């Protein structure tokens, strides 16, 4: 296991209930080891030619990189947004024991 075997995955949800529901399912299904939910972020973005301002919840997920395709499929199936944010960021460094736990937890399924 190396740090490159793990990744952070970012997504947003419209509210805390949706964020907790999605996070719980992904953890229960063994796709991610852990999800941090930041309860309120302000997103400003362009959507269909309009400037939008939305309060959302940010999900910060930790997983094994090999699980991204399965995570993508579940997020597409479970998310309430027409086009959910789903961005994976490789982890370049981290506490080796923590990264081993992430890798072991999210690779077991």
Protein backbone atom coordinates (compact mmCIF):
# COMPACT_ATOMS: atom_id res chain seq x y z
CA UNK A 1 0.00 0.00 0.00
CA UNK A 2 1.23 3.45 -0.93
CA UNK A 3 -0.36 6.84 -0.50
CA UNK A 4 -1.21 6.79 -4.22
CA UNK A 5 -3.50 3.87 -3.52
CA UNK A 6 -5.82 6.25 -1.65
CA UNK A 7 -7.80 9.28 -2.73
CA UNK A 8 -10.01 12.07 -1.48
CA UNK A 9 -13.31 12.35 -3.30
CA UNK A 10 -15.30 15.57 -3.13
CA UNK A 11 -19.00 15.96 -3.70
CA UNK A 12 -21.76 18.33 -2.64
CA UNK A 13 -25.36 17.74 -1.58
CA UNK A 14 -28.28 20.14 -1.26
CA UNK A 15 -28.77 19.62 2.49
CA UNK A 16 -27.56 17.71 5.52
CA UNK A 17 -30.19 14.98 5.20
CA UNK A 18 -29.15 14.16 1.62
CA UNK A 19 -25.45 14.32 2.58
CA UNK A 20 -25.89 11.94 5.52
CA UNK A 21 -27.99 9.55 3.46
CA UNK A 22 -25.38 9.38 0.66
CA UNK A 23 -22.43 9.17 3.07
CA UNK A 24 -24.04 6.39 5.10
CA UNK A 25 -24.79 4.29 2.02
CA UNK A 26 -21.26 4.63 0.65
CA UNK A 27 -19.70 3.67 4.00
CA UNK A 28 -22.19 0.83 4.61
CA UNK A 29 -21.49 -0.59 1.16
CA UNK A 30 -17.73 -0.51 1.83
CA UNK A 31 -16.99 1.88 -1.02
CA UNK A 32 -15.43 4.54 1.21
CA UNK A 33 -13.73 4.27 4.57
CA UNK A 34 -14.89 7.61 5.92
CA UNK A 35 -16.90 10.67 4.94
CA UNK A 36 -16.56 14.09 6.55
CA UNK A 37 -19.57 16.34 6.05
CA UNK A 38 -19.03 20.08 6.11
CA UNK A 39 -22.57 21.26 6.88
CA UNK A 40 -22.61 24.54 4.98
CA UNK A 41 -20.63 25.85 2.06
CA UNK A 42 -21.72 28.55 -0.37
CA UNK A 43 -21.31 27.49 -4.00
CA UNK A 44 -21.30 30.06 -6.79
CA UNK A 45 -21.36 28.56 -10.26
CA UNK A 46 -22.67 28.92 -13.77
CA UNK A 47 -25.48 26.51 -14.70
CA UNK A 48 -27.28 26.64 -18.03
CA UNK A 49 -26.16 30.19 -18.68
CA UNK A 50 -27.17 31.56 -15.28
CA UNK A 51 -25.11 32.54 -12.28
CA UNK A 52 -26.28 30.42 -9.33
CA UNK A 53 -25.67 30.80 -5.59
CA UNK A 54 -26.52 27.79 -3.48
CA UNK A 55 -25.92 26.69 0.11
CA UNK A 56 -24.78 23.08 0.09
CA UNK A 57 -23.07 20.45 2.23
CA UNK A 58 -19.59 19.32 1.22
CA UNK A 59 -18.66 15.66 1.43
CA UNK A 60 -14.99 14.75 1.80
CA UNK A 61 -14.65 11.02 1.23
CA UNK A 62 -11.59 8.83 1.75
CA UNK A 63 -11.27 5.68 -0.31
CA UNK A 64 -9.02 3.30 -2.18
CA UNK A 65 -8.36 4.60 -5.69
CA UNK A 66 -9.46 1.26 -7.19
CA UNK A 67 -13.00 1.91 -5.88
CA UNK A 68 -13.64 5.11 -7.88
CA UNK A 69 -15.67 3.48 -10.68
CA UNK A 70 -17.97 1.79 -8.15
CA UNK A 71 -18.29 5.03 -6.16
CA UNK A 72 -19.15 6.91 -9.34
CA UNK A 73 -21.88 4.40 -10.20
CA UNK A 74 -23.45 4.62 -6.73
CA UNK A 75 -23.28 8.41 -6.60
CA UNK A 76 -24.98 8.60 -10.01
CA UNK A 77 -27.70 6.22 -8.78
CA UNK A 78 -28.26 7.80 -5.35
CA UNK A 79 -27.57 11.51 -5.76
CA UNK A 80 -30.42 14.01 -5.95
CA UNK A 81 -28.63 16.34 -8.39
CA UNK A 82 -28.98 16.02 -12.15
CA UNK A 83 -25.20 16.50 -12.44
CA UNK A 84 -23.49 15.75 -9.13
CA UNK A 85 -20.01 16.99 -8.35
CA UNK A 86 -17.62 14.07 -8.09
CA UNK A 87 -13.90 14.87 -8.07
CA UNK A 88 -11.12 12.52 -7.00
CA UNK A 89 -7.84 13.91 -5.71
CA UNK A 90 -4.89 11.56 -5.20
CA UNK A 91 -3.31 11.57 -1.75
CA UNK A 92 0.41 12.21 -2.08
CA UNK A 93 1.35 11.83 1.59
CA UNK A 94 -0.28 10.78 4.84
CA UNK A 95 0.09 8.86 8.06
CA UNK A 96 0.92 5.35 6.80
CA UNK A 97 -1.29 3.56 9.34
CA UNK A 98 -4.27 5.77 8.49
CA UNK A 99 -3.81 5.26 4.76
CA UNK A 100 -3.54 1.51 5.34
CA UNK A 101 -6.86 1.61 7.21
CA UNK A 102 -8.48 3.57 4.34
CA UNK A 103 -7.13 1.14 1.78
CA UNK A 104 -8.10 -1.95 3.79
CA UNK A 105 -11.58 -0.65 4.66
CA UNK A 106 -12.51 0.54 1.18
CA UNK A 107 -10.96 -2.39 -0.67
CA UNK A 108 -12.58 -5.17 1.34
CA UNK A 109 -15.87 -5.30 -0.54
